[in-house]
Amino acid sequence: MSQDKSTHTAQPETKPEDEKKSFSFFRFILYISIPPIILIVVLFVGGLILALTSDPAQTAPRIGMIRDIFIIILAFEFILVVLALVALVLQVARLISTVEDEIKPILENTKETLETAKETAQFVGKNVTSPLVSAQAFFAGLFVFLRDIGGIRRAIKRTTPKGDNNGK
């Protein structure tokens, strides 16, 4: 029973971890983008209700102020977007310089190393492995030949009767 309790307590602990793991970039974007959208809709509906229910001469300056505030906010957003694009261009330029300065030499060194390893393998194969394989094959054949000769001699000895010594 104590084992059952320990397994039940372990499962609820893993569920919050699964929920944390399921937190994705899509959810992050939703959490960031939904409040400004709600604010814009509320302001639009509030302005629409204000424009329809009150005197246009009195509400026009208020709506004009709201419009001016939105224009200022959009100008700030445009400035932020331009700054983000500048940062992006700088990061791309930095990435390109990193690739040219650091990764290309690494790739060239790797290519040289692979060529050296290939040449070494060819040299060892030609000058060491091939002669060893040939010598091993020769000695294996020689061993089989000697074994067969010994087997023929034993076979000949077995065919002669033991009691037959020149007719005795």
C-alpha atoms as a PDB file:
ATOM      1  CA  MET A   1       0.000   0.000   0.000  1.00  0.00           C
ATOM      2  CA  SER A   2       2.847   2.383   0.735  1.00  0.00           C
ATOM      3  CA  GLN A   3       4.072   1.854  -2.800  1.00  0.00           C
ATOM      4  CA  ASP A   4       0.690   2.845  -4.201  1.00  0.00           C
ATOM      5  CA  LYS A   5       0.770   6.088  -2.237  1.00  0.00           C
ATOM      6  CA  SER A   6       4.233   6.939  -3.479  1.00  0.00           C
ATOM      7  CA  THR A   7       3.192   6.395  -7.087  1.00  0.00           C
ATOM      8  CA  HIS A   8       0.110   8.566  -6.615  1.00  0.00           C
ATOM      9  CA  THR A   9       2.177  11.384  -5.157  1.00  0.00           C
ATOM     10  CA  ALA A  10       4.725  11.155  -7.973  1.00  0.00           C
ATOM     11  CA  GLN A  11       2.140  11.576 -10.728  1.00  0.00           C
ATOM     12  CA  PRO A  12       0.700  14.943  -9.610  1.00  0.00           C
ATOM     13  CA  GLU A  13       4.236  16.306  -9.316  1.00  0.00           C
ATOM     14  CA  THR A  14       4.933  15.499 -12.973  1.00  0.00           C
ATOM     15  CA  LYS A  15       1.741  17.168 -14.218  1.00  0.00           C
ATOM     16  CA  PRO A  16       2.853  20.720 -13.374  1.00  0.00           C
ATOM     17  CA  GLU A  17       6.162  19.971 -15.081  1.00  0.00           C
ATOM     18  CA  ASP A  18       4.262  18.850 -18.179  1.00  0.00           C
ATOM     19  CA  GLU A  19       2.275  22.085 -18.078  1.00  0.00           C
ATOM     20  CA  LYS A  20       5.486  24.077 -17.798  1.00  0.00           C
ATOM     21  CA  LYS A  21       6.937  22.172 -20.738  1.00  0.00           C
ATOM     22  CA  SER A  22       3.824  22.803 -22.810  1.00  0.00           C
ATOM     23  CA  PHE A  23       4.322  26.581 -22.423  1.00  0.00           C
ATOM     24  CA  SER A  24       5.222  27.525 -25.932  1.00  0.00           C
ATOM     25  CA  PHE A  25       6.131  30.556 -27.951  1.00  0.00           C
ATOM     26  CA  PHE A  26       2.582  30.637 -29.335  1.00  0.00           C
ATOM     27  CA  ARG A  27       1.119  30.994 -25.838  1.00  0.00           C
ATOM     28  CA  PHE A  28       3.648  33.703 -25.033  1.00  0.00           C
ATOM     29  CA  ILE A  29       2.574  35.673 -28.104  1.00  0.00           C
ATOM     30  CA  LEU A  30      -1.078  35.258 -27.124  1.00  0.00           C
ATOM     31  CA  TYR A  31      -0.443  36.481 -23.578  1.00  0.00           C
ATOM     32  CA  ILE A  32       1.408  39.519 -24.880  1.00  0.00           C
ATOM     33  CA  SER A  33      -0.952  40.430 -27.731  1.00  0.00           C
ATOM     34  CA  ILE A  34      -4.391  39.903 -26.190  1.00  0.00           C
ATOM     35  CA  PRO A  35      -4.343  42.766 -23.590  1.00  0.00           C
ATOM     36  CA  PRO A  36      -3.481  45.507 -26.124  1.00  0.00           C
ATOM     37  CA  ILE A  37      -6.178  44.192 -28.472  1.00  0.00           C
ATOM     38  CA  ILE A  38      -8.751  44.281 -25.669  1.00  0.00           C
ATOM     39  CA  LEU A  39      -7.648  47.822 -24.746  1.00  0.00           C
ATOM     40  CA  ILE A  40      -8.036  49.022 -28.343  1.00  0.00           C
ATOM     41  CA  VAL A  41     -11.487  47.445 -28.677  1.00  0.00           C
ATOM     42  CA  VAL A  42     -12.635  48.979 -25.361  1.00  0.00           C
ATOM     43  CA  LEU A  43     -11.368  52.409 -26.392  1.00  0.00           C
ATOM     44  CA  PHE A  44     -13.040  52.092 -29.796  1.00  0.00           C
ATOM     45  CA  VAL A  45     -16.373  51.042 -28.294  1.00  0.00           C
ATOM     46  CA  GLY A  46     -16.097  53.762 -25.628  1.00  0.00           C
ATOM     47  CA  GLY A  47     -15.392  56.411 -28.265  1.00  0.00           C
ATOM     48  CA  LEU A  48     -18.240  55.148 -30.416  1.00  0.00           C
ATOM     49  CA  ILE A  49     -20.671  55.260 -27.487  1.00  0.00           C
ATOM     50  CA  LEU A  50     -19.375  58.710 -26.513  1.00  0.00           C
ATOM     51  CA  ALA A  51     -19.807  59.973 -30.082  1.00  0.00           C
ATOM     52  CA  LEU A  52     -23.336  58.604 -30.449  1.00  0.00           C
ATOM     53  CA  THR A  53     -24.740  59.596 -27.051  1.00  0.00           C
ATOM     54  CA  SER A  54     -23.400  63.109 -26.534  1.00  0.00           C
ATOM     55  CA  ASP A  55     -23.243  66.382 -28.403  1.00  0.00           C
ATOM     56  CA  PRO A  56     -20.756  66.162 -31.331  1.00  0.00           C
ATOM     57  CA  ALA A  57     -19.417  69.650 -30.616  1.00  0.00           C
ATOM     58  CA  GLN A  58     -18.395  68.620 -27.098  1.00  0.00           C
ATOM     59  CA  THR A  59     -17.082  65.134 -27.940  1.00  0.00           C
ATOM     60  CA  ALA A  60     -15.076  66.145 -31.026  1.00  0.00           C
ATOM     61  CA  PRO A  61     -12.188  67.619 -28.982  1.00  0.00           C
ATOM     62  CA  ARG A  62     -12.138  64.528 -26.726  1.00  0.00           C
ATOM     63  CA  ILE A  63     -12.064  62.150 -29.672  1.00  0.00           C
ATOM     64  CA  GLY A  64      -9.426  64.366 -31.279  1.00  0.00           C
ATOM     65  CA  MET A  65      -7.285  63.995 -28.134  1.00  0.00           C
ATOM     66  CA  ILE A  66      -7.726  60.224 -28.230  1.00  0.00           C
ATOM     67  CA  ARG A  67      -6.767  60.261 -31.915  1.00  0.00           C
ATOM     68  CA  ASP A  68      -3.667  62.336 -31.172  1.00  0.00           C
ATOM     69  CA  ILE A  69      -2.675  59.941 -28.379  1.00  0.00           C
ATOM     70  CA  PHE A  70      -3.011  56.989 -30.787  1.00  0.00           C
ATOM     71  CA  ILE A  71      -0.906  58.817 -33.382  1.00  0.00           C
ATOM     72  CA  ILE A  72       1.807  59.423 -30.776  1.00  0.00           C
ATOM     73  CA  ILE A  73       1.676  55.758 -29.688  1.00  0.00           C
ATOM     74  CA  LEU A  74       1.962  54.641 -33.328  1.00  0.00           C
ATOM     75  CA  ALA A  75       4.952  56.967 -33.822  1.00  0.00           C
ATOM     76  CA  PHE A  76       6.675  55.411 -30.802  1.00  0.00           C
ATOM     77  CA  GLU A  77       5.890  51.940 -32.146  1.00  0.00           C
ATOM     78  CA  PHE A  78       7.355  52.911 -35.513  1.00  0.00           C
ATOM     79  CA  ILE A  79      10.525  54.108 -33.783  1.00  0.00           C
ATOM     80  CA  LEU A  80      10.730  50.810 -31.869  1.00  0.00           C
ATOM     81  CA  VAL A  81      10.248  48.808 -35.072  1.00  0.00           C
ATOM     82  CA  VAL A  82      13.005  50.772 -36.819  1.00  0.00           C
ATOM     83  CA  LEU A  83      15.336  50.240 -33.840  1.00  0.00           C
ATOM     84  CA  ALA A  84      14.526  46.515 -33.851  1.00  0.00           C
ATOM     85  CA  LEU A  85      15.289  46.328 -37.582  1.00  0.00           C
ATOM     86  CA  VAL A  86      18.604  48.121 -37.050  1.00  0.00           C
ATOM     87  CA  ALA A  87      19.466  45.648 -34.270  1.00  0.00           C
ATOM     88  CA  LEU A  88      18.485  42.771 -36.555  1.00  0.00           C
ATOM     89  CA  VAL A  89      20.679  44.066 -39.387  1.00  0.00           C
ATOM     90  CA  LEU A  90      23.594  44.488 -36.972  1.00  0.00           C
ATOM     91  CA  GLN A  91      23.135  40.953 -35.638  1.00  0.00           C
ATOM     92  CA  VAL A  92      23.027  39.529 -39.179  1.00  0.00           C
ATOM     93  CA  ALA A  93      26.219  41.425 -40.061  1.00  0.00           C
ATOM     94  CA  ARG A  94      27.847  40.081 -36.899  1.00  0.00           C
ATOM     95  CA  LEU A  95      26.747  36.552 -37.775  1.00  0.00           C
ATOM     96  CA  ILE A  96      28.190  36.859 -41.258  1.00  0.00           C
ATOM     97  CA  SER A  97      31.517  38.118 -39.918  1.00  0.00           C
ATOM     98  CA  THR A  98      31.559  35.266 -37.389  1.00  0.00           C
ATOM     99  CA  VAL A  99      30.982  32.753 -40.167  1.00  0.00           C
ATOM    100  CA  GLU A 100      33.732  34.246 -42.291  1.00  0.00           C
ATOM    101  CA  ASP A 101      36.256  34.728 -39.497  1.00  0.00           C
ATOM    102  CA  GLU A 102      35.734  31.652 -37.324  1.00  0.00           C
ATOM    103  CA  ILE A 103      33.788  28.931 -39.065  1.00  0.00           C
ATOM    104  CA  LYS A 104      35.551  29.005 -42.440  1.00  0.00           C
ATOM    105  CA  PRO A 105      39.008  28.388 -40.911  1.00  0.00           C
ATOM    106  CA  ILE A 106      37.558  25.574 -38.809  1.00  0.00           C
ATOM    107  CA  LEU A 107      36.063  23.994 -41.929  1.00  0.00           C
ATOM    108  CA  GLU A 108      39.362  24.370 -43.794  1.00  0.00           C
ATOM    109  CA  ASN A 109      41.270  22.724 -40.928  1.00  0.00           C
ATOM    110  CA  THR A 110      38.712  19.930 -40.830  1.00  0.00           C
ATOM    111  CA  LYS A 111      39.087  19.402 -44.572  1.00  0.00           C
ATOM    112  CA  GLU A 112      42.888  19.234 -44.259  1.00  0.00           C
ATOM    113  CA  THR A 113      42.583  16.776 -41.376  1.00  0.00           C
ATOM    114  CA  LEU A 114      40.251  14.546 -43.369  1.00  0.00           C
ATOM    115  CA  GLU A 115      42.603  14.585 -46.348  1.00  0.00           C
ATOM    116  CA  THR A 116      45.526  13.645 -44.082  1.00  0.00           C
ATOM    117  CA  ALA A 117      43.508  10.832 -42.509  1.00  0.00           C
ATOM    118  CA  LYS A 118      42.538   9.574 -45.970  1.00  0.00           C
ATOM    119  CA  GLU A 119      46.150   9.599 -47.145  1.00  0.00           C
ATOM    120  CA  THR A 120      47.278   7.855 -43.953  1.00  0.00           C
ATOM    121  CA  ALA A 121      44.636   5.162 -44.361  1.00  0.00           C
ATOM    122  CA  GLN A 122      45.693   4.597 -47.974  1.00  0.00           C
ATOM    123  CA  PHE A 123      49.379   4.402 -46.976  1.00  0.00           C
ATOM    124  CA  VAL A 124      48.688   1.958 -44.145  1.00  0.00           C
ATOM    125  CA  GLY A 125      46.445  -0.119 -46.379  1.00  0.00           C
ATOM    126  CA  LYS A 126      49.023  -0.303 -49.143  1.00  0.00           C
ATOM    127  CA  ASN A 127      52.228  -0.700 -47.139  1.00  0.00           C
ATOM    128  CA  VAL A 128      51.148  -2.487 -43.956  1.00  0.00           C
ATOM    129  CA  THR A 129      47.796  -4.207 -44.238  1.00  0.00           C
ATOM    130  CA  SER A 130      48.163  -5.714 -47.701  1.00  0.00           C
ATOM    131  CA  PRO A 131      51.539  -7.404 -46.967  1.00  0.00           C
ATOM    132  CA  LEU A 132      50.224  -8.696 -43.619  1.00  0.00           C
ATOM    133  CA  VAL A 133      47.105 -10.126 -45.249  1.00  0.00           C
ATOM    134  CA  SER A 134      49.202 -11.723 -47.979  1.00  0.00           C
ATOM    135  CA  ALA A 135      51.606 -13.255 -45.438  1.00  0.00           C
ATOM    136  CA  GLN A 136      48.732 -14.484 -43.297  1.00  0.00           C
ATOM    137  CA  ALA A 137      47.063 -16.054 -46.322  1.00  0.00           C
ATOM    138  CA  PHE A 138      50.340 -17.740 -47.329  1.00  0.00           C
ATOM    139  CA  PHE A 139      50.908 -19.186 -43.841  1.00  0.00           C
ATOM    140  CA  ALA A 140      47.280 -20.281 -43.557  1.00  0.00           C
ATOM    141  CA  GLY A 141      47.621 -22.118 -46.876  1.00  0.00           C
ATOM    142  CA  LEU A 142      50.916 -23.632 -45.767  1.00  0.00           C
ATOM    143  CA  PHE A 143      49.321 -24.798 -42.505  1.00  0.00           C
ATOM    144  CA  VAL A 144      46.433 -26.404 -44.376  1.00  0.00           C
ATOM    145  CA  PHE A 145      48.879 -28.046 -46.792  1.00  0.00           C
ATOM    146  CA  LEU A 146      50.970 -29.484 -43.939  1.00  0.00           C
ATOM    147  CA  ARG A 147      47.842 -30.626 -42.103  1.00  0.00           C
ATOM    148  CA  ASP A 148      46.602 -32.387 -45.196  1.00  0.00           C
ATOM    149  CA  ILE A 149      49.973 -34.075 -45.740  1.00  0.00           C
ATOM    150  CA  GLY A 150      49.908 -35.237 -42.120  1.00  0.00           C
ATOM    151  CA  GLY A 151      46.374 -36.464 -42.606  1.00  0.00           C
ATOM    152  CA  ILE A 152      47.365 -38.450 -45.694  1.00  0.00           C
ATOM    153  CA  ARG A 153      50.261 -40.053 -43.789  1.00  0.00           C
ATOM    154  CA  ARG A 154      47.941 -41.010 -40.912  1.00  0.00           C
ATOM    155  CA  ALA A 155      45.390 -42.367 -43.345  1.00  0.00           C
ATOM    156  CA  ILE A 156      48.049 -44.532 -44.993  1.00  0.00           C
ATOM    157  CA  LYS A 157      49.195 -45.871 -41.622  1.00  0.00           C
ATOM    158  CA  ARG A 158      45.643 -46.835 -40.690  1.00  0.00           C
ATOM    159  CA  THR A 159      45.100 -48.832 -43.850  1.00  0.00           C
ATOM    160  CA  THR A 160      47.992 -51.190 -43.146  1.00  0.00           C
ATOM    161  CA  PRO A 161      46.914 -53.981 -40.732  1.00  0.00           C
ATOM    162  CA  LYS A 162      48.717 -54.051 -37.383  1.00  0.00           C
ATOM    163  CA  GLY A 163      49.208 -57.752 -37.285  1.00  0.00           C
ATOM    164  CA  ASP A 164      50.591 -57.886 -40.825  1.00  0.00           C
ATOM    165  CA  ASN A 165      54.374 -57.698 -40.544  1.00  0.00           C
ATOM    166  CA  ASN A 166      55.641 -59.360 -43.713  1.00  0.00           C
ATOM    167  CA  GLY A 167      53.421 -62.363 -43.395  1.00  0.00           C
ATOM    168  CA  LYS A 168      53.807 -63.060 -39.688  1.00  0.00           C
END
